[in-house]
Amino acid sequence: MYRLRRVFQQTLIIRKILQVKPFVIFVSKVIRVTEPATMKYLITITLIFSLMASAKAANLTITVTNIKETKGRIVIGIFNNKESFPKNGREIKQLFIPADADEVTKNITGLPDGEYAIAIYHDKNSDGVCNKNILGIPQEGFGFSNNFKPRLKSPAFADVKFNVKENAHILIKLLYF
C-alpha cells in the first residue's frame, strides 16, 4: 500500500512539474511505475516528448487596424473549434491590448499548429463586454479573422478560420456601425 501511494505521489509531482498531463497519464497507465529506475525512464521519456511538442509550436502576429478612438482596450479572443466560437469565456486565449494608437500589434508565441478563428472588439469603456444596442448591433468596433463582415448574425467558425503553421501574420480591420 505504501508503494502504491508513493507511486501516485511521484506521478502527481511529474504532472505538476512538466505540465504534460495527458502524456503522463497515458504512460503511467501503460507502464507500471514501481521502481525508482522506471520512474527515471518515465521522466526522461516525458521530457523528450514535451520538447518535441514545443518544437512544433508556432508564432502568430495579430495586427488590428482602423481603431477610431485611442482609449480603452482591444480584446482578442482566439478559438480553435466551432463549438466554442465566438462565445465569451470559451476562447483558448484571451488577450488585452491598450488601444493607444490607430493600429496595434500583438505577438503570440507557443501556439500549436492548427486551425484557429479570432474575434476582436474595441472595449472603449473597459467594461469587459462588447456593448450592443437594442437590436444587438455592436456599438463598439469589432472584427474577425479573414476580415469577415457579418450580415445579421455572428459568423460561423468555417467563415473565419485560418491555418497556423510555424509563423503566421494576420491583419484585422475593425468594423464600426
Protein backbone atom coordinates (compact mmCIF):
# COMPACT_ATOMS: atom_id res chain seq x y z
CA MET A 1 0.00 0.00 0.00
CA TYR A 2 2.85 2.38 0.84
CA ARG A 3 4.49 1.67 -2.52
CA LEU A 4 1.27 2.45 -4.41
CA ARG A 5 0.80 5.73 -2.53
CA ARG A 6 4.42 6.67 -3.28
CA VAL A 7 3.98 5.95 -6.98
CA PHE A 8 0.82 8.06 -7.05
CA GLN A 9 2.65 10.97 -5.36
CA GLN A 10 5.52 10.72 -7.85
CA THR A 11 3.07 10.79 -10.75
CA LEU A 12 1.39 13.92 -9.35
CA ILE A 13 4.75 15.62 -8.96
CA ILE A 14 5.67 14.84 -12.55
CA ARG A 15 2.35 16.21 -13.80
CA LYS A 16 2.84 19.48 -11.92
CA ILE A 17 6.45 19.94 -12.96
CA LEU A 18 6.12 19.10 -16.63
CA GLN A 19 2.52 20.20 -17.32
CA VAL A 20 2.20 17.36 -19.82
CA LYS A 21 -0.80 15.79 -18.17
CA PRO A 22 -2.29 13.64 -20.95
CA PHE A 23 1.03 12.02 -21.84
CA VAL A 24 2.00 11.32 -18.21
CA ILE A 25 -1.41 9.80 -17.50
CA PHE A 26 -1.13 7.60 -20.61
CA VAL A 27 2.42 6.46 -19.86
CA SER A 28 1.74 5.85 -16.16
CA LYS A 29 -1.18 3.58 -17.11
CA VAL A 30 0.78 1.67 -19.73
CA ILE A 31 3.98 1.32 -17.68
CA ARG A 32 3.71 0.05 -14.14
CA VAL A 33 5.80 2.52 -12.17
CA THR A 34 7.02 0.53 -9.18
CA GLU A 35 10.74 1.17 -9.02
CA PRO A 36 12.79 4.37 -8.95
CA ALA A 37 14.67 3.32 -12.11
CA THR A 38 11.38 3.03 -14.02
CA MET A 39 10.38 6.44 -12.72
CA LYS A 40 13.61 7.95 -14.12
CA TYR A 41 12.82 6.45 -17.54
CA LEU A 42 9.30 7.86 -17.35
CA ILE A 43 10.64 11.33 -16.60
CA THR A 44 13.17 11.11 -19.44
CA ILE A 45 10.56 9.96 -21.97
CA THR A 46 8.16 12.70 -20.86
CA LEU A 47 10.83 15.37 -21.22
CA ILE A 48 11.75 14.18 -24.71
CA PHE A 49 8.13 14.22 -25.90
CA SER A 50 7.43 17.61 -24.31
CA LEU A 51 10.47 19.07 -26.08
CA MET A 52 9.28 17.58 -29.37
CA ALA A 53 5.81 19.06 -28.83
CA SER A 54 7.18 22.51 -28.03
CA ALA A 55 9.31 22.44 -31.18
CA LYS A 56 6.11 22.36 -33.28
CA ALA A 57 4.72 25.48 -31.63
CA ALA A 58 4.08 28.47 -33.89
CA ASN A 59 4.19 32.22 -33.53
CA LEU A 60 1.19 34.30 -34.53
CA THR A 61 1.31 38.05 -35.06
CA ILE A 62 -2.02 39.88 -34.99
CA THR A 63 -2.28 43.45 -36.28
CA VAL A 64 -5.50 45.35 -35.58
CA THR A 65 -6.18 48.42 -37.73
CA ASN A 66 -8.89 51.10 -38.04
CA ILE A 67 -9.03 51.92 -34.31
CA LYS A 68 -11.11 55.11 -34.29
CA GLU A 69 -10.57 56.20 -30.68
CA THR A 70 -7.37 55.77 -28.70
CA LYS A 71 -8.98 54.91 -25.40
CA GLY A 72 -9.93 51.68 -23.70
CA ARG A 73 -8.50 48.36 -24.87
CA ILE A 74 -8.63 45.85 -27.70
CA VAL A 75 -9.90 42.43 -26.59
CA ILE A 76 -8.75 39.48 -28.70
CA GLY A 77 -10.29 36.02 -28.40
CA ILE A 78 -8.57 33.07 -30.08
CA PHE A 79 -10.71 29.98 -30.70
CA ASN A 80 -9.80 26.53 -32.01
CA ASN A 81 -13.17 24.83 -32.60
CA LYS A 82 -16.64 25.61 -33.89
CA GLU A 83 -18.40 24.65 -30.65
CA SER A 84 -16.80 27.48 -28.68
CA PHE A 85 -16.71 30.20 -31.36
CA PRO A 86 -17.46 33.10 -30.69
CA LYS A 87 -18.68 32.53 -27.15
CA ASN A 88 -17.15 34.76 -24.48
CA GLY A 89 -15.16 32.76 -21.94
CA ARG A 90 -14.74 29.76 -24.27
CA GLU A 91 -11.64 31.00 -26.10
CA ILE A 92 -8.33 29.19 -25.71
CA LYS A 93 -6.55 32.53 -25.28
CA GLN A 94 -7.86 35.96 -24.46
CA LEU A 95 -5.57 38.95 -24.85
CA PHE A 96 -5.93 42.60 -23.87
CA ILE A 97 -4.02 45.34 -25.69
CA PRO A 98 -4.21 49.04 -24.81
CA ALA A 99 -5.87 50.96 -27.66
CA ASP A 100 -3.22 53.69 -27.65
CA ALA A 101 -2.79 54.09 -31.44
CA ASP A 102 -4.84 53.69 -34.62
CA GLU A 103 -3.05 50.36 -35.20
CA VAL A 104 -1.79 47.84 -32.62
CA THR A 105 0.15 44.59 -32.94
CA LYS A 106 0.37 41.61 -30.61
CA ASN A 107 2.72 38.62 -30.90
CA ILE A 108 1.63 35.25 -29.56
CA THR A 109 4.24 32.56 -29.08
CA GLY A 110 3.91 28.85 -28.43
CA LEU A 111 0.66 28.34 -30.31
CA PRO A 112 0.30 24.75 -31.58
CA ASP A 113 -0.15 24.25 -35.32
CA GLY A 114 -3.80 24.00 -36.31
CA GLU A 115 -6.97 25.84 -37.32
CA TYR A 116 -7.98 28.96 -35.41
CA ALA A 117 -10.50 31.77 -35.55
CA ILE A 118 -10.18 35.22 -34.00
CA ALA A 119 -12.87 37.56 -32.70
CA ILE A 120 -11.89 41.08 -31.64
CA TYR A 121 -13.69 44.06 -30.19
CA HIS A 122 -12.66 47.54 -29.07
CA ASP A 123 -13.72 47.87 -25.44
CA LYS A 124 -13.75 51.68 -25.39
CA ASN A 125 -15.13 51.96 -21.86
CA SER A 126 -13.12 48.98 -20.49
CA ASP A 127 -16.22 47.31 -19.04
CA GLY A 128 -15.29 43.85 -20.35
CA VAL A 129 -18.20 43.42 -22.78
CA CYS A 130 -18.91 44.36 -26.38
CA ASN A 131 -21.72 46.84 -25.86
CA LYS A 132 -24.69 46.46 -28.22
CA ASN A 133 -27.83 48.44 -28.94
CA ILE A 134 -31.40 47.17 -28.59
CA LEU A 135 -31.21 45.37 -31.94
CA GLY A 136 -27.99 43.57 -30.96
CA ILE A 137 -25.75 45.64 -33.23
CA PRO A 138 -22.35 46.34 -31.64
CA GLN A 139 -21.81 49.94 -30.55
CA GLU A 140 -18.06 49.36 -30.28
CA GLY A 141 -15.67 48.38 -33.04
CA PHE A 142 -15.33 44.66 -33.76
CA GLY A 143 -13.66 42.34 -36.24
CA PHE A 144 -12.95 38.75 -37.19
CA SER A 145 -10.11 36.85 -38.79
CA ASN A 146 -10.14 36.86 -42.59
CA ASN A 147 -11.75 40.33 -42.20
CA PHE A 148 -15.14 38.66 -42.44
CA LYS A 149 -18.04 41.14 -42.47
CA PRO A 150 -21.07 39.56 -40.77
CA ARG A 151 -24.59 40.10 -42.03
CA LEU A 152 -27.38 39.97 -39.45
CA LYS A 153 -25.64 37.34 -37.29
CA SER A 154 -22.28 36.26 -35.94
CA PRO A 155 -20.08 34.37 -38.40
CA ALA A 156 -19.56 30.62 -38.25
CA PHE A 157 -16.16 29.16 -37.40
CA ALA A 158 -15.78 27.98 -41.02
CA ASP A 159 -16.16 31.58 -42.26
CA VAL A 160 -13.26 32.96 -40.22
CA LYS A 161 -10.91 30.02 -39.66
CA PHE A 162 -7.30 30.10 -40.79
CA ASN A 163 -4.33 27.74 -40.52
CA VAL A 164 -1.30 28.38 -38.36
CA LYS A 165 1.92 26.60 -39.24
CA GLU A 166 5.26 27.82 -37.90
CA ASN A 167 4.90 31.61 -38.14
CA ALA A 168 1.79 33.45 -39.28
CA HIS A 169 0.67 37.06 -39.53
CA ILE A 170 -2.95 38.15 -39.64
CA LEU A 171 -4.34 41.64 -40.22
CA ILE A 172 -7.82 42.50 -38.89
CA LYS A 173 -9.61 45.75 -39.68
CA LEU A 174 -12.15 46.85 -37.06
CA LEU A 175 -15.71 47.49 -38.25
CA TYR A 176 -17.97 50.18 -36.82
CA PHE A 177 -21.72 50.66 -37.27
